[in-house]
Structure formats: C-alpha cells, structure tokens
C-alpha cells in the first residue's frame, strides 16, 4: 500500500515523461479499469446515478488538491471519468501513477465506489 496521500513534488522540468513501455508495465499495479489513451491514464467508474458520480468526483477532487496534481474529471449520469497526465512533462509520470493508486484506495472505500 502507498504512503498516506500528500503533496506530490513537481516533476523536474528536465526529466522526460515515462515511455509507453514503462507506462504499460505500471498499469498492473492499478485497478483493472485503468487504461492508457495515448499518453494519458484513464479510468471510467460506473455508478448508480448522477449524485453518486458527483460525490465520487468531489472525493477525487479533494485528494487531487491535497496532492497538488489535478486530473480531468467528467461527471455524467452513471459514470465518473478520470483522466491523468502530467501537463508539464507532456505525458505520464510517476506522479500520475501515484495519484491513480491513491484514487483507487479512496474511491474503493466510498459509498457507490466500484
């Protein structure tokens, strides 16, 4: 299990993002609903209704603020979509995979989480 969620250090500007091979290798440590969409990490969580999707988005947003690493969240009736990548690196980094693991832990324990 990862350490307690905390502010993540910024990705060094001179460090490139992870290769696609490295990113694929790290997927196995995440919930099976995570996938790669180009240089982005995506998870779609099915919910029972809009209010559950919204509640999960709020939990994800609180964690993202704590980590100071912010995903794109799309709230729909019956679904929350999470899209992660490190903007400053132009792709995926360790920060994205750390936040994804923290999101998995927090959302699994949430009412309506899957």
C-alpha atoms as a PDB file:
ATOM      1  CA  UNK A   1       0.000   0.000   0.000  1.00  0.00           C
ATOM      2  CA  UNK A   2       1.199   3.526  -0.775  1.00  0.00           C
ATOM      3  CA  UNK A   3       2.051   6.103   1.827  1.00  0.00           C
ATOM      4  CA  UNK A   4      -0.632   8.479   3.024  1.00  0.00           C
ATOM      5  CA  UNK A   5      -1.702  10.947   0.342  1.00  0.00           C
ATOM      6  CA  UNK A   6       0.288  14.133   0.496  1.00  0.00           C
ATOM      7  CA  UNK A   7       1.502  16.939  -1.735  1.00  0.00           C
ATOM      8  CA  UNK A   8       3.465  15.460  -4.620  1.00  0.00           C
ATOM      9  CA  UNK A   9       6.720  17.133  -5.625  1.00  0.00           C
ATOM     10  CA  UNK A  10       6.593  18.718  -9.085  1.00  0.00           C
ATOM     11  CA  UNK A  11       8.011  16.677 -11.956  1.00  0.00           C
ATOM     12  CA  UNK A  12      11.501  18.020 -12.817  1.00  0.00           C
ATOM     13  CA  UNK A  13      11.332  20.108 -15.993  1.00  0.00           C
ATOM     14  CA  UNK A  14      14.394  18.402 -17.475  1.00  0.00           C
ATOM     15  CA  UNK A  15      13.055  14.855 -16.915  1.00  0.00           C
ATOM     16  CA  UNK A  16      11.115  13.274 -19.799  1.00  0.00           C
ATOM     17  CA  UNK A  17       7.806  11.509 -19.229  1.00  0.00           C
ATOM     18  CA  UNK A  18       7.634   7.732 -18.911  1.00  0.00           C
ATOM     19  CA  UNK A  19       7.935   5.691 -22.068  1.00  0.00           C
ATOM     20  CA  UNK A  20       4.870   3.849 -23.309  1.00  0.00           C
ATOM     21  CA  UNK A  21       6.561   0.562 -22.324  1.00  0.00           C
ATOM     22  CA  UNK A  22       7.118   1.814 -18.753  1.00  0.00           C
ATOM     23  CA  UNK A  23       3.564   3.164 -18.537  1.00  0.00           C
ATOM     24  CA  UNK A  24       2.092  -0.156 -19.692  1.00  0.00           C
ATOM     25  CA  UNK A  25       4.201  -2.031 -17.142  1.00  0.00           C
ATOM     26  CA  UNK A  26       2.820   0.145 -14.321  1.00  0.00           C
ATOM     27  CA  UNK A  27      -0.820  -0.438 -15.232  1.00  0.00           C
ATOM     28  CA  UNK A  28      -0.774  -3.785 -13.404  1.00  0.00           C
ATOM     29  CA  UNK A  29      -0.466  -2.041 -10.032  1.00  0.00           C
ATOM     30  CA  UNK A  30      -3.727  -0.157 -10.607  1.00  0.00           C
ATOM     31  CA  UNK A  31      -7.411  -1.053 -10.570  1.00  0.00           C
ATOM     32  CA  UNK A  32      -8.162  -3.049 -13.732  1.00  0.00           C
ATOM     33  CA  UNK A  33     -10.467  -0.289 -15.048  1.00  0.00           C
ATOM     34  CA  UNK A  34      -7.457   1.991 -15.721  1.00  0.00           C
ATOM     35  CA  UNK A  35      -6.262   2.095 -19.322  1.00  0.00           C
ATOM     36  CA  UNK A  36      -3.912   4.105 -21.477  1.00  0.00           C
ATOM     37  CA  UNK A  37      -5.278   6.559 -24.008  1.00  0.00           C
ATOM     38  CA  UNK A  38      -2.170   7.761 -25.790  1.00  0.00           C
ATOM     39  CA  UNK A  39      -0.048   9.474 -23.158  1.00  0.00           C
ATOM     40  CA  UNK A  40      -2.911   9.670 -20.663  1.00  0.00           C
ATOM     41  CA  UNK A  41      -4.193   7.373 -17.937  1.00  0.00           C
ATOM     42  CA  UNK A  42      -7.986   6.945 -17.950  1.00  0.00           C
ATOM     43  CA  UNK A  43     -10.471   5.277 -15.616  1.00  0.00           C
ATOM     44  CA  UNK A  44     -14.228   5.144 -16.035  1.00  0.00           C
ATOM     45  CA  UNK A  45     -16.191   4.305 -12.908  1.00  0.00           C
ATOM     46  CA  UNK A  46     -19.776   3.143 -13.307  1.00  0.00           C
ATOM     47  CA  UNK A  47     -22.192   4.458 -10.680  1.00  0.00           C
ATOM     48  CA  UNK A  48     -25.868   4.042  -9.936  1.00  0.00           C
ATOM     49  CA  UNK A  49     -26.834   7.686 -10.627  1.00  0.00           C
ATOM     50  CA  UNK A  50     -25.616  11.241 -11.148  1.00  0.00           C
ATOM     51  CA  UNK A  51     -25.362  12.154  -7.465  1.00  0.00           C
ATOM     52  CA  UNK A  52     -23.053   9.185  -6.818  1.00  0.00           C
ATOM     53  CA  UNK A  53     -20.840  10.214  -9.747  1.00  0.00           C
ATOM     54  CA  UNK A  54     -20.726  13.749  -8.366  1.00  0.00           C
ATOM     55  CA  UNK A  55     -19.887  12.558  -4.834  1.00  0.00           C
ATOM     56  CA  UNK A  56     -17.002  10.448  -6.166  1.00  0.00           C
ATOM     57  CA  UNK A  57     -15.754  13.422  -8.198  1.00  0.00           C
ATOM     58  CA  UNK A  58     -15.721  15.548  -5.041  1.00  0.00           C
ATOM     59  CA  UNK A  59     -13.691  12.872  -3.215  1.00  0.00           C
ATOM     60  CA  UNK A  60     -11.287  12.658  -6.171  1.00  0.00           C
ATOM     61  CA  UNK A  61     -11.019  16.451  -6.276  1.00  0.00           C
ATOM     62  CA  UNK A  62     -10.217  16.697  -2.577  1.00  0.00           C
ATOM     63  CA  UNK A  63      -7.434  14.154  -2.977  1.00  0.00           C
ATOM     64  CA  UNK A  64      -6.123  15.900  -6.098  1.00  0.00           C
ATOM     65  CA  UNK A  65      -5.963  19.207  -4.223  1.00  0.00           C
ATOM     66  CA  UNK A  66      -4.103  17.544  -1.352  1.00  0.00           C
ATOM     67  CA  UNK A  67      -1.610  16.045  -3.822  1.00  0.00           C
ATOM     68  CA  UNK A  68      -1.473  19.265  -5.903  1.00  0.00           C
ATOM     69  CA  UNK A  69      -1.827  17.112  -9.021  1.00  0.00           C
ATOM     70  CA  UNK A  70      -5.124  17.594 -10.802  1.00  0.00           C
ATOM     71  CA  UNK A  71      -6.855  15.171 -13.184  1.00  0.00           C
ATOM     72  CA  UNK A  72      -9.592  15.985 -15.628  1.00  0.00           C
ATOM     73  CA  UNK A  73     -12.890  14.756 -14.191  1.00  0.00           C
ATOM     74  CA  UNK A  74     -16.029  14.204 -16.226  1.00  0.00           C
ATOM     75  CA  UNK A  75     -19.236  13.666 -14.261  1.00  0.00           C
ATOM     76  CA  UNK A  76     -22.153  12.004 -16.044  1.00  0.00           C
ATOM     77  CA  UNK A  77     -25.249  10.170 -15.003  1.00  0.00           C
ATOM     78  CA  UNK A  78     -23.966   6.711 -14.095  1.00  0.00           C
ATOM     79  CA  UNK A  79     -20.286   7.416 -14.687  1.00  0.00           C
ATOM     80  CA  UNK A  80     -17.245   9.313 -13.464  1.00  0.00           C
ATOM     81  CA  UNK A  81     -14.301   9.520 -15.869  1.00  0.00           C
ATOM     82  CA  UNK A  82     -10.826  10.351 -14.573  1.00  0.00           C
ATOM     83  CA  UNK A  83      -8.031  11.363 -16.959  1.00  0.00           C
ATOM     84  CA  UNK A  84      -4.472  11.814 -15.662  1.00  0.00           C
ATOM     85  CA  UNK A  85      -1.232  13.071 -17.192  1.00  0.00           C
ATOM     86  CA  UNK A  86       1.491  15.470 -16.145  1.00  0.00           C
ATOM     87  CA  UNK A  87       0.951  18.586 -18.212  1.00  0.00           C
ATOM     88  CA  UNK A  88       4.425  19.993 -17.595  1.00  0.00           C
ATOM     89  CA  UNK A  89       6.049  16.748 -18.797  1.00  0.00           C
ATOM     90  CA  UNK A  90       3.750  16.318 -21.760  1.00  0.00           C
ATOM     91  CA  UNK A  91       2.891  12.753 -20.783  1.00  0.00           C
ATOM     92  CA  UNK A  92       2.692  10.249 -17.965  1.00  0.00           C
ATOM     93  CA  UNK A  93       4.996  10.325 -14.945  1.00  0.00           C
ATOM     94  CA  UNK A  94       5.327   8.640 -11.569  1.00  0.00           C
ATOM     95  CA  UNK A  95       3.045  11.390 -10.222  1.00  0.00           C
ATOM     96  CA  UNK A  96       0.142  10.110 -12.303  1.00  0.00           C
ATOM     97  CA  UNK A  97       0.545   6.508 -11.197  1.00  0.00           C
ATOM     98  CA  UNK A  98       0.895   7.534  -7.540  1.00  0.00           C
ATOM     99  CA  UNK A  99      -2.260   9.644  -7.690  1.00  0.00           C
ATOM    100  CA  UNK A 100      -4.094   6.838  -9.530  1.00  0.00           C
ATOM    101  CA  UNK A 101      -3.232   4.388  -6.709  1.00  0.00           C
ATOM    102  CA  UNK A 102      -4.375   6.900  -4.085  1.00  0.00           C
ATOM    103  CA  UNK A 103      -7.607   7.462  -6.031  1.00  0.00           C
ATOM    104  CA  UNK A 104      -8.167   3.706  -6.216  1.00  0.00           C
ATOM    105  CA  UNK A 105      -7.808   3.433  -2.451  1.00  0.00           C
ATOM    106  CA  UNK A 106     -10.064   6.407  -1.681  1.00  0.00           C
ATOM    107  CA  UNK A 107     -12.769   5.631  -4.221  1.00  0.00           C
ATOM    108  CA  UNK A 108     -12.966   1.933  -3.357  1.00  0.00           C
ATOM    109  CA  UNK A 109     -13.927   2.856   0.198  1.00  0.00           C
ATOM    110  CA  UNK A 110     -16.513   5.444  -0.904  1.00  0.00           C
ATOM    111  CA  UNK A 111     -20.230   4.681  -0.935  1.00  0.00           C
ATOM    112  CA  UNK A 112     -21.096   3.794  -4.506  1.00  0.00           C
ATOM    113  CA  UNK A 113     -17.442   3.205  -5.424  1.00  0.00           C
ATOM    114  CA  UNK A 114     -16.571   0.241  -7.576  1.00  0.00           C
END
